[in-house]
C-alpha atoms as a PDB file:
ATOM      1  CA  MET A   1     -59.721 -80.318 123.203  1.00  0.00           C
ATOM      2  CA  GLY A   2     -56.101 -81.308 123.839  1.00  0.00           C
ATOM      3  CA  THR A   3     -57.099 -84.802 124.704  1.00  0.00           C
ATOM      4  CA  GLU A   4     -58.888 -84.779 121.339  1.00  0.00           C
ATOM      5  CA  ASN A   5     -55.861 -83.627 119.494  1.00  0.00           C
ATOM      6  CA  THR A   6     -53.350 -86.103 121.396  1.00  0.00           C
ATOM      7  CA  GLN A   7     -55.494 -88.875 120.474  1.00  0.00           C
ATOM      8  CA  LYS A   8     -55.837 -87.882 116.863  1.00  0.00           C
ATOM      9  CA  LEU A   9     -51.982 -87.931 116.508  1.00  0.00           C
ATOM     10  CA  GLU A  10     -52.011 -91.321 118.203  1.00  0.00           C
ATOM     11  CA  ARG A  11     -54.271 -92.613 115.577  1.00  0.00           C
ATOM     12  CA  ILE A  12     -52.540 -91.281 112.964  1.00  0.00           C
ATOM     13  CA  GLN A  13     -49.306 -92.964 114.351  1.00  0.00           C
ATOM     14  CA  SER A  14     -50.971 -96.168 114.782  1.00  0.00           C
ATOM     15  CA  GLU A  15     -52.893 -96.214 111.405  1.00  0.00           C
ATOM     16  CA  ALA A  16     -49.412 -94.834 109.394  1.00  0.00           C
ATOM     17  CA  LEU A  17     -47.125 -97.566 111.104  1.00  0.00           C
ATOM     18  CA  GLU A  18     -49.691-100.256 110.340  1.00  0.00           C
ATOM     19  CA  LYS A  19     -50.086 -99.524 106.843  1.00  0.00           C
ATOM     20  CA  LEU A  20     -46.094 -99.218 106.267  1.00  0.00           C
ATOM     21  CA  ASP A  21     -45.841-102.864 107.259  1.00  0.00           C
ATOM     22  CA  THR A  22     -48.187-104.044 104.426  1.00  0.00           C
ATOM     23  CA  ILE A  23     -46.018-101.975 101.723  1.00  0.00           C
ATOM     24  CA  ASN A  24     -43.916-103.906  99.323  1.00  0.00           C
ATOM     25  CA  ASP A  25     -42.992-101.649  96.525  1.00  0.00           C
ATOM     26  CA  LEU A  26     -41.693 -98.208  96.270  1.00  0.00           C
ATOM     27  CA  LYS A  27     -44.856 -96.623  94.282  1.00  0.00           C
ATOM     28  CA  ASP A  28     -47.032 -97.622  97.489  1.00  0.00           C
ATOM     29  CA  LEU A  29     -44.521 -96.438  99.605  1.00  0.00           C
ATOM     30  CA  GLU A  30     -44.750 -92.902  97.862  1.00  0.00           C
ATOM     31  CA  ASN A  31     -48.313 -92.931  98.062  1.00  0.00           C
ATOM     32  CA  TRP A  32     -47.964 -93.627 101.849  1.00  0.00           C
ATOM     33  CA  ARG A  33     -45.721 -90.698 101.950  1.00  0.00           C
ATOM     34  CA  VAL A  34     -47.919 -88.197 100.355  1.00  0.00           C
ATOM     35  CA  THR A  35     -51.090 -89.711 102.614  1.00  0.00           C
ATOM     36  CA  TYR A  36     -49.537 -88.645 105.967  1.00  0.00           C
ATOM     37  CA  LEU A  37     -46.430 -86.371 105.358  1.00  0.00           C
ATOM     38  CA  GLY A  38     -47.322 -84.786 101.804  1.00  0.00           C
ATOM     39  CA  ARG A  39     -48.279 -81.203 101.631  1.00  0.00           C
ATOM     40  CA  LYS A  40     -51.933 -82.196 102.109  1.00  0.00           C
ATOM     41  CA  GLY A  41     -51.031 -85.232 104.572  1.00  0.00           C
ATOM     42  CA  THR A  42     -53.247 -86.161 107.577  1.00  0.00           C
ATOM     43  CA  LEU A  43     -49.905 -85.452 109.885  1.00  0.00           C
ATOM     44  CA  THR A  44     -49.328 -82.059 108.121  1.00  0.00           C
ATOM     45  CA  GLN A  45     -53.061 -80.713 108.355  1.00  0.00           C
ATOM     46  CA  VAL A  46     -52.621 -81.043 112.254  1.00  0.00           C
ATOM     47  CA  LEU A  47     -49.424 -79.372 112.634  1.00  0.00           C
ATOM     48  CA  ARG A  48     -50.781 -76.484 110.196  1.00  0.00           C
ATOM     49  CA  GLY A  49     -53.623 -76.199 112.538  1.00  0.00           C
ATOM     50  CA  LEU A  50     -51.556 -75.444 115.862  1.00  0.00           C
ATOM     51  CA  SER A  51     -52.024 -71.429 115.370  1.00  0.00           C
ATOM     52  CA  GLN A  52     -55.557 -72.092 116.210  1.00  0.00           C
ATOM     53  CA  LEU A  53     -54.786 -73.811 119.611  1.00  0.00           C
ATOM     54  CA  PRO A  54     -54.235 -72.145 122.975  1.00  0.00           C
ATOM     55  CA  ILE A  55     -50.710 -71.561 123.643  1.00  0.00           C
ATOM     56  CA  GLU A  56     -50.320 -74.088 126.447  1.00  0.00           C
ATOM     57  CA  GLU A  57     -51.759 -76.710 124.174  1.00  0.00           C
ATOM     58  CA  ARG A  58     -49.897 -75.457 121.112  1.00  0.00           C
ATOM     59  CA  ARG A  59     -46.834 -76.436 122.716  1.00  0.00           C
ATOM     60  CA  ASP A  60     -47.853 -79.948 123.812  1.00  0.00           C
ATOM     61  CA  ILE A  61     -49.518 -80.788 120.475  1.00  0.00           C
ATOM     62  CA  GLY A  62     -46.607 -79.183 118.452  1.00  0.00           C
ATOM     63  CA  SER A  63     -44.097 -81.038 120.455  1.00  0.00           C
ATOM     64  CA  ARG A  64     -46.002 -84.388 119.924  1.00  0.00           C
ATOM     65  CA  GLY A  65     -46.539 -83.713 116.211  1.00  0.00           C
ATOM     66  CA  ASN A  66     -42.978 -83.037 115.502  1.00  0.00           C
ATOM     67  CA  GLN A  67     -41.836 -86.125 117.284  1.00  0.00           C
ATOM     68  CA  LEU A  68     -44.216 -88.360 115.039  1.00  0.00           C
ATOM     69  CA  LYS A  69     -43.175 -86.604 111.925  1.00  0.00           C
ATOM     70  CA  SER A  70     -39.474 -87.383 112.581  1.00  0.00           C
ATOM     71  CA  LEU A  71     -40.339 -90.928 113.638  1.00  0.00           C
ATOM     72  CA  LEU A  72     -42.510 -91.507 110.325  1.00  0.00           C
ATOM     73  CA  GLU A  73     -39.791 -89.832 108.372  1.00  0.00           C
ATOM     74  CA  GLN A  74     -37.086 -92.294 109.802  1.00  0.00           C
ATOM     75  CA  LYS A  75     -39.521 -95.256 109.099  1.00  0.00           C
ATOM     76  CA  LEU A  76     -39.967 -94.048 105.572  1.00  0.00           C
ATOM     77  CA  SER A  77     -36.382 -93.857 105.115  1.00  0.00           C
ATOM     78  CA  GLU A  78     -35.738 -97.281 106.585  1.00  0.00           C
ATOM     79  CA  LYS A  79     -38.686 -99.039 104.582  1.00  0.00           C
ATOM     80  CA  GLU A  80     -37.466 -97.346 101.359  1.00  0.00           C
ATOM     81  CA  GLU A  81     -33.850 -98.520 101.847  1.00  0.00           C
ATOM     82  CA  SER A  82     -35.249-102.200 102.622  1.00  0.00           C
ATOM     83  CA  LEU A  83     -37.492-102.079  99.322  1.00  0.00           C
ATOM     84  CA  LYS A  84     -34.565-100.821  97.068  1.00  0.00           C
ATOM     85  CA  GLN A  85     -32.272-103.555  98.745  1.00  0.00           C
ATOM     86  CA  ALA A  86     -34.855-106.327  97.950  1.00  0.00           C
ATOM     87  CA  ASP A  87     -35.362-104.922  94.377  1.00  0.00           C
ATOM     88  CA  LEU A  88     -31.705-105.139  93.738  1.00  0.00           C
ATOM     89  CA  GLU A  89     -31.192-108.536  95.195  1.00  0.00           C
ATOM     90  CA  ARG A  90     -34.484-109.773  92.871  1.00  0.00           C
ATOM     91  CA  LYS A  91     -32.927-108.432  89.734  1.00  0.00           C
ATOM     92  CA  LEU A  92     -29.267-109.884  90.604  1.00  0.00           C
ATOM     93  CA  GLU A  93     -31.224-113.329  91.134  1.00  0.00           C
ATOM     94  CA  GLU A  94     -33.071-112.836  87.738  1.00  0.00           C
ATOM     95  CA  SER A  95     -29.789-111.852  85.967  1.00  0.00           C
ATOM     96  CA  SER A  96     -27.523-114.222  87.638  1.00  0.00           C
ATOM     97  CA  ILE A  97     -24.767-115.699  85.574  1.00  0.00           C
ATOM     98  CA  ASP A  98     -23.994-119.416  85.611  1.00  0.00           C
ATOM     99  CA  VAL A  99     -20.061-119.365  85.519  1.00  0.00           C
ATOM    100  CA  THR A 100     -20.323-122.983  84.487  1.00  0.00           C
ATOM    101  CA  LEU A 101     -21.875-122.114  81.149  1.00  0.00           C
ATOM    102  CA  PRO A 102     -19.768-121.892  77.930  1.00  0.00           C
ATOM    103  CA  GLY A 103     -19.169-118.046  77.033  1.00  0.00           C
ATOM    104  CA  TYR A 104     -20.471-116.362  74.081  1.00  0.00           C
ATOM    105  CA  SER A 105     -18.166-116.122  71.052  1.00  0.00           C
ATOM    106  CA  ILE A 106     -16.952-112.666  70.054  1.00  0.00           C
ATOM    107  CA  GLN A 107     -17.600-111.686  66.655  1.00  0.00           C
ATOM    108  CA  LEU A 108     -14.622-110.387  64.954  1.00  0.00           C
ATOM    109  CA  GLY A 109     -14.993-107.791  62.326  1.00  0.00           C
ATOM    110  CA  ARG A 110     -13.662-108.200  58.789  1.00  0.00           C
ATOM    111  CA  THR A 111     -12.450-106.053  56.194  1.00  0.00           C
ATOM    112  CA  HIS A 112     -15.104-104.914  53.550  1.00  0.00           C
ATOM    113  CA  PRO A 113     -13.621-106.331  50.085  1.00  0.00           C
ATOM    114  CA  THR A 114     -13.930-102.838  48.461  1.00  0.00           C
ATOM    115  CA  THR A 115     -11.653-101.448  51.358  1.00  0.00           C
ATOM    116  CA  LYS A 116      -9.152-104.354  50.891  1.00  0.00           C
ATOM    117  CA  ILE A 117      -8.594-103.633  47.367  1.00  0.00           C
ATOM    118  CA  LEU A 118      -8.591-100.238  48.112  1.00  0.00           C
ATOM    119  CA  ARG A 119      -5.585-100.399  50.418  1.00  0.00           C
ATOM    120  CA  GLN A 120      -3.750-102.892  48.003  1.00  0.00           C
ATOM    121  CA  VAL A 121      -4.139-100.471  45.115  1.00  0.00           C
ATOM    122  CA  CYS A 122      -2.976 -97.696  47.315  1.00  0.00           C
ATOM    123  CA  ASP A 123      -0.128 -99.527  48.458  1.00  0.00           C
ATOM    124  CA  ILE A 124       1.011-100.724  45.022  1.00  0.00           C
ATOM    125  CA  PHE A 125       1.141 -97.081  43.855  1.00  0.00           C
ATOM    126  CA  ALA A 126       2.719 -95.668  46.857  1.00  0.00           C
ATOM    127  CA  SER A 127       5.488 -97.897  46.283  1.00  0.00           C
ATOM    128  CA  MET A 128       5.938 -96.382  42.932  1.00  0.00           C
ATOM    129  CA  GLY A 129       6.349 -92.809  44.510  1.00  0.00           C
ATOM    130  CA  PHE A 130       2.783 -91.746  44.227  1.00  0.00           C
ATOM    131  CA  GLU A 131       1.063 -89.485  46.873  1.00  0.00           C
ATOM    132  CA  ILE A 132      -2.483 -90.413  47.878  1.00  0.00           C
ATOM    133  CA  VAL A 133      -4.950 -87.558  48.364  1.00  0.00           C
ATOM    134  CA  GLU A 134      -8.554 -87.145  48.693  1.00  0.00           C
ATOM    135  CA  GLY A 135     -11.145 -84.549  47.882  1.00  0.00           C
ATOM    136  CA  PRO A 136     -14.710 -83.363  48.262  1.00  0.00           C
ATOM    137  CA  GLU A 137     -17.659 -85.356  46.804  1.00  0.00           C
ATOM    138  CA  VAL A 138     -19.881 -82.454  46.125  1.00  0.00           C
ATOM    139  CA  GLU A 139     -18.281 -80.737  43.685  1.00  0.00           C
ATOM    140  CA  TRP A 140     -18.502 -77.747  41.432  1.00  0.00           C
ATOM    141  CA  ASP A 141     -19.256 -78.002  37.674  1.00  0.00           C
ATOM    142  CA  SER A 142     -16.236 -76.252  36.874  1.00  0.00           C
ATOM    143  CA  TYR A 143     -13.790 -78.860  38.040  1.00  0.00           C
ATOM    144  CA  ASN A 144     -16.168 -81.942  37.454  1.00  0.00           C
ATOM    145  CA  PHE A 145     -16.660 -80.961  33.726  1.00  0.00           C
ATOM    146  CA  GLU A 146     -15.409 -77.614  32.303  1.00  0.00           C
ATOM    147  CA  ALA A 147     -11.704 -77.967  33.383  1.00  0.00           C
ATOM    148  CA  LEU A 148     -11.555 -81.493  32.173  1.00  0.00           C
ATOM    149  CA  ASN A 149     -12.295 -80.164  28.625  1.00  0.00           C
ATOM    150  CA  MET A 150     -15.965 -80.423  28.740  1.00  0.00           C
ATOM    151  CA  PRO A 151     -17.778 -76.965  28.468  1.00  0.00           C
ATOM    152  CA  LYS A 152     -21.500 -76.553  28.991  1.00  0.00           C
ATOM    153  CA  GLY A 153     -23.299 -78.257  26.212  1.00  0.00           C
ATOM    154  CA  HIS A 154     -20.567 -80.710  25.156  1.00  0.00           C
ATOM    155  CA  PRO A 155     -22.108 -84.016  24.184  1.00  0.00           C
ATOM    156  CA  ALA A 156     -19.364 -85.586  26.597  1.00  0.00           C
ATOM    157  CA  ARG A 157     -21.322 -84.869  29.507  1.00  0.00           C
ATOM    158  CA  ASP A 158     -24.000 -87.201  28.645  1.00  0.00           C
ATOM    159  CA  MET A 159     -21.316 -89.822  29.442  1.00  0.00           C
ATOM    160  CA  TRP A 160     -22.029 -89.225  33.060  1.00  0.00           C
ATOM    161  CA  ASP A 161     -25.430 -89.346  34.583  1.00  0.00           C
ATOM    162  CA  THR A 162     -25.096 -86.411  36.793  1.00  0.00           C
ATOM    163  CA  MET A 163     -26.721 -85.862  40.218  1.00  0.00           C
ATOM    164  CA  TRP A 164     -27.203 -81.956  40.371  1.00  0.00           C
ATOM    165  CA  VAL A 165     -27.367 -80.340  44.092  1.00  0.00           C
ATOM    166  CA  ASP A 166     -30.533 -78.067  44.777  1.00  0.00           C
ATOM    167  CA  TYR A 167     -28.388 -74.890  44.416  1.00  0.00           C
ATOM    168  CA  THR A 168     -28.917 -72.079  42.171  1.00  0.00           C
ATOM    169  CA  ASP A 169     -26.279 -69.435  41.407  1.00  0.00           C
ATOM    170  CA  GLU A 170     -26.908 -65.701  40.530  1.00  0.00           C
ATOM    171  CA  ASN A 171     -27.150 -66.620  36.974  1.00  0.00           C
ATOM    172  CA  GLY A 172     -29.907 -69.015  37.507  1.00  0.00           C
ATOM    173  CA  GLU A 173     -27.738 -72.243  36.879  1.00  0.00           C
ATOM    174  CA  ARG A 174     -26.897 -75.244  38.883  1.00  0.00           C
ATOM    175  CA  PRO A 175     -22.947 -75.645  38.948  1.00  0.00           C
ATOM    176  CA  MET A 176     -22.696 -77.787  42.248  1.00  0.00           C
ATOM    177  CA  LEU A 177     -23.225 -81.675  41.989  1.00  0.00           C
ATOM    178  CA  LEU A 178     -22.215 -84.966  43.298  1.00  0.00           C
ATOM    179  CA  ARG A 179     -19.075 -85.624  41.481  1.00  0.00           C
ATOM    180  CA  THR A 180     -19.389 -88.261  38.972  1.00  0.00           C
ATOM    181  CA  HIS A 181     -15.784 -89.303  38.782  1.00  0.00           C
ATOM    182  CA  THR A 182     -12.526 -88.349  40.800  1.00  0.00           C
ATOM    183  CA  SER A 183     -10.895 -86.647  37.917  1.00  0.00           C
ATOM    184  CA  PRO A 184     -11.940 -83.347  39.456  1.00  0.00           C
ATOM    185  CA  MET A 185      -9.086 -83.903  41.958  1.00  0.00           C
ATOM    186  CA  GLU A 186      -6.610 -83.792  39.120  1.00  0.00           C
ATOM    187  CA  ILE A 187      -7.417 -80.081  38.700  1.00  0.00           C
ATOM    188  CA  ARG A 188      -7.684 -79.257  42.383  1.00  0.00           C
ATOM    189  CA  PHE A 189      -4.373 -80.779  42.949  1.00  0.00           C
ATOM    190  CA  MET A 190      -2.399 -78.993  39.938  1.00  0.00           C
ATOM    191  CA  GLU A 191      -3.904 -75.922  41.005  1.00  0.00           C
ATOM    192  CA  ARG A 192      -2.043 -75.910  44.277  1.00  0.00           C
ATOM    193  CA  ARG A 193       1.018 -77.863  43.127  1.00  0.00           C
ATOM    194  CA  ASP A 194       3.933 -77.230  40.599  1.00  0.00           C
ATOM    195  CA  PRO A 195       5.350 -80.182  38.722  1.00  0.00           C
ATOM    196  CA  PRO A 196       6.534 -82.896  39.048  1.00  0.00           C
ATOM    197  CA  ILE A 197       3.352 -84.560  40.406  1.00  0.00           C
ATOM    198  CA  ARG A 198       2.675 -88.222  41.004  1.00  0.00           C
ATOM    199  CA  VAL A 199      -0.764 -88.769  42.872  1.00  0.00           C
ATOM    200  CA  ILE A 200      -3.616 -91.017  43.208  1.00  0.00           C
ATOM    201  CA  MET A 201      -6.766 -90.036  44.537  1.00  0.00           C
ATOM    202  CA  PRO A 202      -9.418 -92.540  45.703  1.00  0.00           C
ATOM    203  CA  GLY A 203     -12.895 -91.845  46.685  1.00  0.00           C
ATOM    204  CA  LYS A 204     -16.899 -92.214  46.244  1.00  0.00           C
ATOM    205  CA  VAL A 205     -18.546 -91.012  43.004  1.00  0.00           C
ATOM    206  CA  TYR A 206     -22.086 -90.806  42.216  1.00  0.00           C
ATOM    207  CA  ARG A 207     -24.209 -91.386  38.971  1.00  0.00           C
ATOM    208  CA  TYR A 208     -27.949 -90.977  38.653  1.00  0.00           C
ATOM    209  CA  GLU A 209     -28.570 -94.138  36.950  1.00  0.00           C
ATOM    210  CA  ALA A 210     -30.704 -97.300  37.670  1.00  0.00           C
ATOM    211  CA  THR A 211     -28.983-100.187  39.763  1.00  0.00           C
ATOM    212  CA  ASP A 212     -28.567-103.618  38.168  1.00  0.00           C
ATOM    213  CA  ALA A 213     -25.800-106.280  38.454  1.00  0.00           C
ATOM    214  CA  THR A 214     -23.262-104.130  36.733  1.00  0.00           C
ATOM    215  CA  HIS A 215     -24.314-100.468  37.825  1.00  0.00           C
ATOM    216  CA  GLU A 216     -24.708 -98.525  41.120  1.00  0.00           C
ATOM    217  CA  SER A 217     -25.442 -95.111  42.002  1.00  0.00           C
ATOM    218  CA  MET A 218     -22.520 -94.897  44.256  1.00  0.00           C
ATOM    219  CA  PHE A 219     -19.339 -96.564  43.835  1.00  0.00           C
ATOM    220  CA  TYR A 220     -15.540 -96.132  44.278  1.00  0.00           C
ATOM    221  CA  GLN A 221     -12.851 -94.855  41.813  1.00  0.00           C
ATOM    222  CA  VAL A 222      -9.168 -94.427  41.972  1.00  0.00           C
ATOM    223  CA  GLU A 223      -7.765 -91.544  39.744  1.00  0.00           C
ATOM    224  CA  GLY A 224      -4.068 -91.579  39.011  1.00  0.00           C
ATOM    225  CA  LEU A 225      -1.969 -88.404  37.574  1.00  0.00           C
ATOM    226  CA  ALA A 226       1.653 -87.930  36.835  1.00  0.00           C
ATOM    227  CA  ILE A 227       2.912 -84.438  35.298  1.00  0.00           C
ATOM    228  CA  ASP A 228       6.453 -83.893  34.547  1.00  0.00           C
ATOM    229  CA  LYS A 229       8.787 -82.965  31.735  1.00  0.00           C
ATOM    230  CA  GLY A 230       9.187 -85.592  29.216  1.00  0.00           C
ATOM    231  CA  ILE A 231       6.442 -88.053  30.240  1.00  0.00           C
ATOM    232  CA  THR A 232       5.580 -90.072  27.438  1.00  0.00           C
ATOM    233  CA  MET A 233       2.884 -92.892  26.510  1.00  0.00           C
ATOM    234  CA  ALA A 234       5.789 -95.545  27.370  1.00  0.00           C
ATOM    235  CA  ASP A 235       5.645 -94.037  31.197  1.00  0.00           C
ATOM    236  CA  LEU A 236       1.938 -94.874  31.412  1.00  0.00           C
ATOM    237  CA  LYS A 237       2.146 -98.409  29.908  1.00  0.00           C
ATOM    238  CA  GLY A 238       5.003 -99.012  32.350  1.00  0.00           C
ATOM    239  CA  THR A 239       3.359 -97.695  35.364  1.00  0.00           C
ATOM    240  CA  LEU A 240       0.057 -99.673  34.507  1.00  0.00           C
ATOM    241  CA  TYR A 241       1.954-102.763  33.589  1.00  0.00           C
ATOM    242  CA  GLU A 242       3.594-102.894  36.811  1.00  0.00           C
ATOM    243  CA  PHE A 243       0.303-102.334  38.571  1.00  0.00           C
ATOM    244  CA  ALA A 244      -1.524-105.099  36.813  1.00  0.00           C
ATOM    245  CA  ARG A 245       1.542-107.472  37.748  1.00  0.00           C
ATOM    246  CA  LYS A 246       1.591-106.619  41.081  1.00  0.00           C
ATOM    247  CA  LEU A 247      -2.002-106.633  41.743  1.00  0.00           C
ATOM    248  CA  PHE A 248      -3.055-109.571  39.429  1.00  0.00           C
ATOM    249  CA  GLY A 249       0.024-111.611  39.251  1.00  0.00           C
ATOM    250  CA  GLU A 250       3.639-111.620  37.839  1.00  0.00           C
ATOM    251  CA  ASP A 251       2.665-113.271  34.724  1.00  0.00           C
ATOM    252  CA  ARG A 252      -0.097-110.721  33.549  1.00  0.00           C
ATOM    253  CA  LYS A 253      -0.218-109.375  29.915  1.00  0.00           C
ATOM    254  CA  ILE A 254      -1.759-106.090  29.400  1.00  0.00           C
ATOM    255  CA  ARG A 255      -3.687-104.695  26.417  1.00  0.00           C
ATOM    256  CA  PHE A 256      -3.996-101.096  25.433  1.00  0.00           C
ATOM    257  CA  ARG A 257      -6.599-100.109  22.728  1.00  0.00           C
ATOM    258  CA  CYS A 258      -7.804 -96.591  21.623  1.00  0.00           C
ATOM    259  CA  ASP A 259     -10.690 -95.066  23.370  1.00  0.00           C
ATOM    260  CA  TYR A 260     -12.170 -91.806  23.986  1.00  0.00           C
ATOM    261  CA  PHE A 261     -12.155 -89.570  26.970  1.00  0.00           C
ATOM    262  CA  PRO A 262     -12.451 -85.935  26.803  1.00  0.00           C
ATOM    263  CA  PHE A 263      -9.467 -85.170  29.443  1.00  0.00           C
ATOM    264  CA  VAL A 264      -6.994 -87.196  27.592  1.00  0.00           C
ATOM    265  CA  GLU A 265      -5.301 -87.166  24.030  1.00  0.00           C
ATOM    266  CA  PRO A 266      -4.901 -90.207  22.988  1.00  0.00           C
ATOM    267  CA  GLY A 267      -6.868 -92.228  25.328  1.00  0.00           C
ATOM    268  CA  VAL A 268      -6.746 -95.884  25.892  1.00  0.00           C
ATOM    269  CA  GLU A 269      -9.000 -98.746  27.383  1.00  0.00           C
ATOM    270  CA  VAL A 270      -6.392-100.956  29.289  1.00  0.00           C
ATOM    271  CA  ALA A 271      -7.271-104.887  29.630  1.00  0.00           C
ATOM    272  CA  ILE A 272      -5.697-107.802  31.295  1.00  0.00           C
ATOM    273  CA  ASP A 273      -5.372-111.345  29.744  1.00  0.00           C
ATOM    274  CA  CYS A 274      -8.111-113.294  31.952  1.00  0.00           C
ATOM    275  CA  PHE A 275      -6.532-114.705  34.829  1.00  0.00           C
ATOM    276  CA  VAL A 276      -9.164-117.634  35.371  1.00  0.00           C
ATOM    277  CA  CYS A 277      -8.875-119.116  31.352  1.00  0.00           C
ATOM    278  CA  HIS A 278      -5.490-117.308  30.500  1.00  0.00           C
ATOM    279  CA  GLY A 279      -6.772-115.970  26.959  1.00  0.00           C
ATOM    280  CA  GLU A 280      -8.637-119.248  25.985  1.00  0.00           C
ATOM    281  CA  GLY A 281     -12.110-117.638  26.673  1.00  0.00           C
ATOM    282  CA  CYS A 282     -14.524-118.402  29.765  1.00  0.00           C
ATOM    283  CA  SER A 283     -17.559-116.968  31.394  1.00  0.00           C
ATOM    284  CA  VAL A 284     -15.436-114.556  33.430  1.00  0.00           C
ATOM    285  CA  CYS A 285     -14.159-112.641  30.446  1.00  0.00           C
ATOM    286  CA  GLY A 286     -17.156-113.199  28.240  1.00  0.00           C
ATOM    287  CA  GLY A 287     -15.087-115.385  25.750  1.00  0.00           C
ATOM    288  CA  ASP A 288     -12.796-112.685  24.768  1.00  0.00           C
ATOM    289  CA  GLY A 289      -9.977-113.911  26.876  1.00  0.00           C
ATOM    290  CA  TRP A 290      -9.548-110.291  27.939  1.00  0.00           C
ATOM    291  CA  ILE A 291     -10.686-108.098  30.886  1.00  0.00           C
ATOM    292  CA  GLU A 292     -10.814-104.408  30.904  1.00  0.00           C
ATOM    293  CA  ILE A 293      -9.827-102.787  34.292  1.00  0.00           C
ATOM    294  CA  LEU A 294      -9.463 -99.052  33.697  1.00  0.00           C
ATOM    295  CA  GLY A 295      -9.269 -96.216  31.177  1.00  0.00           C
ATOM    296  CA  ALA A 296      -6.249 -94.057  30.771  1.00  0.00           C
ATOM    297  CA  GLY A 297      -4.435 -91.563  28.580  1.00  0.00           C
ATOM    298  CA  MET A 298      -2.155 -88.753  28.132  1.00  0.00           C
ATOM    299  CA  THR A 299      -3.373 -85.685  29.627  1.00  0.00           C
ATOM    300  CA  HIS A 300      -4.986 -83.241  27.434  1.00  0.00           C
ATOM    301  CA  PRO A 301      -2.914 -80.145  26.633  1.00  0.00           C
ATOM    302  CA  ASP A 302      -6.134 -78.040  27.391  1.00  0.00           C
ATOM    303  CA  VAL A 303      -6.360 -79.466  30.810  1.00  0.00           C
ATOM    304  CA  LEU A 304      -2.886 -78.471  31.542  1.00  0.00           C
ATOM    305  CA  ARG A 305      -3.641 -74.789  29.985  1.00  0.00           C
ATOM    306  CA  TRP A 306      -6.674 -74.736  32.294  1.00  0.00           C
ATOM    307  CA  VAL A 307      -4.287 -74.664  35.774  1.00  0.00           C
ATOM    308  CA  GLY A 308      -1.458 -72.679  33.999  1.00  0.00           C
ATOM    309  CA  TYR A 309       0.840 -75.477  32.911  1.00  0.00           C
ATOM    310  CA  ASP A 310       2.646 -74.881  29.724  1.00  0.00           C
ATOM    311  CA  PRO A 311       1.754 -78.111  27.593  1.00  0.00           C
ATOM    312  CA  ASP A 312       5.085 -77.553  25.271  1.00  0.00           C
ATOM    313  CA  VAL A 313       7.012 -77.817  28.816  1.00  0.00           C
ATOM    314  CA  TYR A 314       4.961 -80.420  30.644  1.00  0.00           C
ATOM    315  CA  THR A 315       3.202 -83.358  29.684  1.00  0.00           C
ATOM    316  CA  GLY A 316       1.510 -86.053  31.622  1.00  0.00           C
ATOM    317  CA  PHE A 317      -0.714 -89.184  31.833  1.00  0.00           C
ATOM    318  CA  ALA A 318      -3.895 -90.095  33.685  1.00  0.00           C
ATOM    319  CA  PHE A 319      -5.909 -93.402  34.682  1.00  0.00           C
ATOM    320  CA  GLY A 320      -9.016 -94.032  36.523  1.00  0.00           C
ATOM    321  CA  ILE A 321     -10.031 -97.210  37.901  1.00  0.00           C
ATOM    322  CA  GLY A 322     -13.590 -98.388  38.925  1.00  0.00           C
ATOM    323  CA  LEU A 323     -12.727 -99.993  42.042  1.00  0.00           C
ATOM    324  CA  GLU A 324     -15.581-102.539  42.544  1.00  0.00           C
ATOM    325  CA  ARG A 325     -14.466-103.884  38.992  1.00  0.00           C
ATOM    326  CA  ILE A 326     -11.384-105.463  40.738  1.00  0.00           C
ATOM    327  CA  PRO A 327     -12.775-107.559  43.622  1.00  0.00           C
ATOM    328  CA  MET A 328     -15.566-108.667  41.215  1.00  0.00           C
ATOM    329  CA  LEU A 329     -13.198-110.091  38.620  1.00  0.00           C
ATOM    330  CA  MET A 330     -10.742-111.511  41.440  1.00  0.00           C
ATOM    331  CA  TYR A 331     -13.639-113.414  43.623  1.00  0.00           C
ATOM    332  CA  GLY A 332     -16.056-114.141  40.856  1.00  0.00           C
ATOM    333  CA  ILE A 333     -18.733-111.678  42.191  1.00  0.00           C
ATOM    334  CA  ASP A 334     -21.483-111.318  39.678  1.00  0.00           C
ATOM    335  CA  ASP A 335     -23.546-108.541  41.178  1.00  0.00           C
ATOM    336  CA  ILE A 336     -22.097-105.286  42.256  1.00  0.00           C
ATOM    337  CA  ARG A 337     -25.062-104.605  44.741  1.00  0.00           C
ATOM    338  CA  LEU A 338     -23.756-107.224  46.970  1.00  0.00           C
ATOM    339  CA  PHE A 339     -20.867-104.961  47.952  1.00  0.00           C
ATOM    340  CA  TYR A 340     -23.629-102.523  49.705  1.00  0.00           C
ATOM    341  CA  ASN A 341     -26.423-104.619  50.594  1.00  0.00           C
ATOM    342  CA  ASN A 342     -24.945-105.321  54.165  1.00  0.00           C
ATOM    343  CA  ASP A 343     -25.581-109.071  53.772  1.00  0.00           C
ATOM    344  CA  MET A 344     -23.287-110.668  56.408  1.00  0.00           C
ATOM    345  CA  ARG A 345     -23.594-114.167  54.475  1.00  0.00           C
ATOM    346  CA  PHE A 346     -21.755-112.203  51.505  1.00  0.00           C
ATOM    347  CA  LEU A 347     -19.308-110.102  53.511  1.00  0.00           C
ATOM    348  CA  LYS A 348     -17.939-112.925  55.835  1.00  0.00           C
ATOM    349  CA  GLN A 349     -16.511-114.687  52.740  1.00  0.00           C
ATOM    350  CA  PHE A 350     -13.740-112.095  52.580  1.00  0.00           C
END
């Protein structure tokens, strides 16, 4: 029996080492380990059967078996290290870098045309003493409409195609929405600040409407507000004239015409003379010679009362700029959707 177990260990050693020499990848090496050293491996089974042998033979076979186990584990470790090194060298050879080849050019990012104009607009108004603040894009109905002189059921609400948020209050109404303009920030700012106020409020706004060359469901606006004692239409005209002159050029002319906005009284449409044809009429200005750039007006007394300002003491003006309209005019862009299509051919031009 002792000779039989000894011969069995010798066969396991011979067979294991012979197969180990033929292994060329880690997967086969793992199979080899399971076959001989695993929980049900051939050598493991021999060592588990030691308890059934006579004590003298148990010592001899146990000693031989443990020596063989140590040998196979050592060979396994050496083979594993050898295969890993060979695999690493192969990968390095496959991905080797030819230092004589020209390098890859690094693509530099560019400022998006909307961001570029937004920064210019903010810098211009900051130079005139205006603060710059931002506000939430998900807004309450009370800020977006009611506080701006548009109570529930007011027909002026139809001017803004509203995206309502799926939220219902205790009265079964939906007073939460994606803001349709940046004007709600006027109310939020006035609620926490006493006059005098000089502030602009840039940000994204949302409209539920079909997209085409001149309409998008999301775009940028810049709202402006000034509140103080004795502010008049002359202050509004002077501020917007200075803005247009700095943005579009020193020789710009400005035109103010009456318009309607619920939260200002009187309201005006502000246009500049066409910087392409200088008032002669062309495709950019539609043959009119003038280009509308924003809406404005004197802050409505009801808006001032809403935030607790006395309209007999304080007056002010407000204006709103559709930001994408400016680069469309300046760069001759004929489709607003190009700003958000992520087409590098378009964006690289700026």
